[in-house]
């Protein structure tokens, strides 16, 4: 059965492993379209401009918003993140499904702009596991960690609004399940 190019959104709280899951599925499915989000935050160690994100100034971000060049954008903590419409359109035009790994706020904005999107919410097996994962990353100050946990509580309450919910308890199993979900919706 032929696959139809689809737009997928993968959301979930910080530390749930959505980036790892999406990376692993991309390794299994190199034909998936790849977009790079724009952000006003500074690169973390090892992140390269144009690969991890397009790292841009607040002024450039404002210009892109004004010109309507984002499919979605959101203020997350102290920075803004956005998905460039042109990158998504180019992938779909080539017949490539696109997986956007974005926060809940951005996922809702995409649903409004692109109603046929399939939204997948990645959940932790428990709150305690999520807290341990966030602390284990070692990338957050105490203040930043508290803010991320507050945001996570709000996001988890919205999981029921997504098309599919996926618990990331076992990374290998969750990766296989995410790949199955994409294939299922590409053949509908």
Protein backbone atom coordinates (compact mmCIF):
# COMPACT_ATOMS: atom_id res chain seq x y z
CA UNK A 1 0.00 0.00 0.00
CA UNK A 2 1.37 3.42 -0.94
CA UNK A 3 2.24 5.87 1.78
CA UNK A 4 0.70 9.31 1.86
CA UNK A 5 2.94 12.17 3.01
CA UNK A 6 1.61 13.33 6.37
CA UNK A 7 2.46 15.98 8.91
CA UNK A 8 2.98 14.62 12.42
CA UNK A 9 3.50 16.53 15.66
CA UNK A 10 5.26 14.81 18.55
CA UNK A 11 4.83 16.66 21.84
CA UNK A 12 5.34 15.98 25.51
CA UNK A 13 7.00 17.54 28.50
CA UNK A 14 10.71 18.33 28.60
CA UNK A 15 12.70 15.25 29.59
CA UNK A 16 10.16 12.70 28.35
CA UNK A 17 12.51 11.55 25.57
CA UNK A 18 10.60 12.82 22.53
CA UNK A 19 13.79 14.05 20.85
CA UNK A 20 15.47 10.68 21.32
CA UNK A 21 12.40 8.85 19.99
CA UNK A 22 12.14 11.06 16.92
CA UNK A 23 15.88 10.70 16.23
CA UNK A 24 15.68 6.92 16.48
CA UNK A 25 12.65 6.74 14.16
CA UNK A 26 14.46 9.01 11.69
CA UNK A 27 17.39 6.57 11.72
CA UNK A 28 14.93 3.77 10.86
CA UNK A 29 13.15 5.91 8.27
CA UNK A 30 15.67 8.23 6.55
CA UNK A 31 12.96 9.17 4.03
CA UNK A 32 11.16 11.24 6.67
CA UNK A 33 11.32 14.94 5.91
CA UNK A 34 13.54 16.95 8.20
CA UNK A 35 12.82 20.51 9.26
CA UNK A 36 14.95 22.64 11.55
CA UNK A 37 13.14 24.91 14.00
CA UNK A 38 14.18 28.48 14.66
CA UNK A 39 14.87 29.69 18.20
CA UNK A 40 15.98 32.80 20.01
CA UNK A 41 17.87 30.81 22.66
CA UNK A 42 21.63 30.34 22.61
CA UNK A 43 23.11 27.03 21.46
CA UNK A 44 23.84 24.41 24.10
CA UNK A 45 27.24 22.70 24.00
CA UNK A 46 27.53 20.62 20.81
CA UNK A 47 24.56 22.20 19.03
CA UNK A 48 25.26 23.58 15.56
CA UNK A 49 23.34 26.35 13.83
CA UNK A 50 21.17 25.00 11.03
CA UNK A 51 21.37 21.46 12.42
CA UNK A 52 19.92 21.50 15.94
CA UNK A 53 18.11 24.81 15.37
CA UNK A 54 18.35 27.99 13.36
CA UNK A 55 19.67 30.23 16.16
CA UNK A 56 18.38 33.73 15.41
CA UNK A 57 18.02 37.07 17.16
CA UNK A 58 14.79 38.37 18.66
CA UNK A 59 14.69 40.99 15.89
CA UNK A 60 14.95 38.39 13.11
CA UNK A 61 12.30 36.26 14.82
CA UNK A 62 9.99 39.31 14.91
CA UNK A 63 10.53 39.86 11.17
CA UNK A 64 9.66 36.22 10.37
CA UNK A 65 6.49 36.41 12.51
CA UNK A 66 5.47 39.65 10.83
CA UNK A 67 5.89 38.10 7.37
CA UNK A 68 3.85 35.02 8.35
CA UNK A 69 6.74 32.64 7.72
CA UNK A 70 6.07 30.35 10.69
CA UNK A 71 3.61 27.45 10.62
CA UNK A 72 3.67 27.84 14.38
CA UNK A 73 5.72 29.61 16.96
CA UNK A 74 5.59 29.84 20.71
CA UNK A 75 7.16 31.45 23.72
CA UNK A 76 8.66 28.64 25.79
CA UNK A 77 10.19 29.68 29.08
CA UNK A 78 12.42 32.66 28.23
CA UNK A 79 12.80 32.02 24.48
CA UNK A 80 10.77 31.67 21.29
CA UNK A 81 10.71 28.66 18.99
CA UNK A 82 9.10 28.34 15.59
CA UNK A 83 8.61 26.00 12.64
CA UNK A 84 9.23 27.59 9.26
CA UNK A 85 6.27 26.96 6.94
CA UNK A 86 8.59 26.80 3.91
CA UNK A 87 10.50 23.80 5.33
CA UNK A 88 7.32 21.80 5.99
CA UNK A 89 5.81 22.67 2.60
CA UNK A 90 8.98 21.62 0.76
CA UNK A 91 9.04 18.19 2.45
CA UNK A 92 5.37 17.48 1.80
CA UNK A 93 5.73 18.59 -1.83
CA UNK A 94 8.53 16.00 -2.23
CA UNK A 95 6.19 13.32 -0.85
CA UNK A 96 8.01 13.11 2.49
CA UNK A 97 6.13 12.82 5.76
CA UNK A 98 7.31 15.34 8.33
CA UNK A 99 7.65 14.83 12.07
CA UNK A 100 7.73 18.03 14.12
CA UNK A 101 9.01 17.65 17.66
CA UNK A 102 7.40 20.65 19.34
CA UNK A 103 5.83 21.68 22.61
CA UNK A 104 2.12 21.42 23.40
CA UNK A 105 1.46 25.10 22.67
CA UNK A 106 3.07 24.74 19.23
CA UNK A 107 1.20 21.50 18.61
CA UNK A 108 -2.11 23.27 19.15
CA UNK A 109 -1.07 26.08 16.80
CA UNK A 110 -0.17 23.54 14.09
CA UNK A 111 -3.55 21.82 14.54
CA UNK A 112 -5.30 25.15 13.94
CA UNK A 113 -3.20 25.95 10.85
CA UNK A 114 -3.07 22.38 9.51
CA UNK A 115 -6.20 20.45 10.69
CA UNK A 116 -5.14 17.16 9.07
CA UNK A 117 -2.02 16.95 11.28
CA UNK A 118 -1.65 13.80 13.40
CA UNK A 119 -0.62 14.74 16.94
CA UNK A 120 1.22 12.23 19.15
CA UNK A 121 1.76 12.91 22.86
CA UNK A 122 4.73 11.22 24.54
CA UNK A 123 4.19 10.58 28.25
CA UNK A 124 6.58 9.46 30.98
CA UNK A 125 5.80 6.24 32.82
CA UNK A 126 5.40 8.31 35.99
CA UNK A 127 5.95 11.81 37.36
CA UNK A 128 8.91 10.57 39.41
CA UNK A 129 10.63 9.20 36.31
CA UNK A 130 10.15 12.51 34.50
CA UNK A 131 11.67 14.47 37.41
CA UNK A 132 14.64 12.08 37.53
CA UNK A 133 15.20 12.38 33.77
CA UNK A 134 15.16 16.18 33.89
CA UNK A 135 17.54 16.28 36.85
CA UNK A 136 19.76 13.68 35.20
CA UNK A 137 20.30 15.83 32.12
CA UNK A 138 22.28 18.28 34.22
CA UNK A 139 21.46 21.13 31.83
CA UNK A 140 19.07 23.06 34.06
CA UNK A 141 19.54 25.50 36.92
CA UNK A 142 17.27 24.96 39.92
CA UNK A 143 15.08 27.84 38.73
CA UNK A 144 14.91 26.48 35.18
CA UNK A 145 14.15 22.97 36.47
CA UNK A 146 11.27 24.29 38.59
CA UNK A 147 9.86 26.15 35.58
CA UNK A 148 10.12 23.06 33.35
CA UNK A 149 8.35 20.93 35.96
CA UNK A 150 5.55 23.48 36.27
CA UNK A 151 5.17 23.49 32.48
CA UNK A 152 5.24 19.66 32.43
CA UNK A 153 2.31 19.50 34.85
CA UNK A 154 0.23 21.74 32.57
CA UNK A 155 1.24 19.81 29.44
CA UNK A 156 0.43 16.40 30.91
CA UNK A 157 -3.12 17.60 31.59
CA UNK A 158 -3.54 18.14 27.82
CA UNK A 159 -2.40 14.68 26.71
CA UNK A 160 -6.03 13.61 26.17
CA UNK A 161 -6.43 16.24 23.42
CA UNK A 162 -3.94 14.43 21.16
CA UNK A 163 -4.78 11.82 18.51
CA UNK A 164 -2.39 9.25 20.00
CA UNK A 165 -0.72 8.87 23.40
CA UNK A 166 2.56 6.97 23.74
CA UNK A 167 4.23 6.11 27.06
CA UNK A 168 8.04 6.17 26.85
CA UNK A 169 8.80 3.52 29.45
CA UNK A 170 11.10 1.29 27.39
CA UNK A 171 13.00 3.23 24.72
CA UNK A 172 13.22 0.37 22.23
CA UNK A 173 9.51 -0.46 22.51
CA UNK A 174 8.47 3.19 22.39
CA UNK A 175 10.60 3.68 19.25
CA UNK A 176 8.93 0.72 17.54
CA UNK A 177 5.50 1.99 18.58
CA UNK A 178 6.18 5.48 17.22
CA UNK A 179 7.30 3.97 13.90
CA UNK A 180 4.10 1.86 13.79
CA UNK A 181 1.95 4.93 14.47
CA UNK A 182 3.54 6.86 11.59
CA UNK A 183 3.08 3.94 9.19
CA UNK A 184 -0.54 3.47 10.23
CA UNK A 185 -1.48 7.08 9.51
CA UNK A 186 0.49 7.19 6.25
CA UNK A 187 -1.65 4.35 4.88
CA UNK A 188 -5.04 5.71 5.97
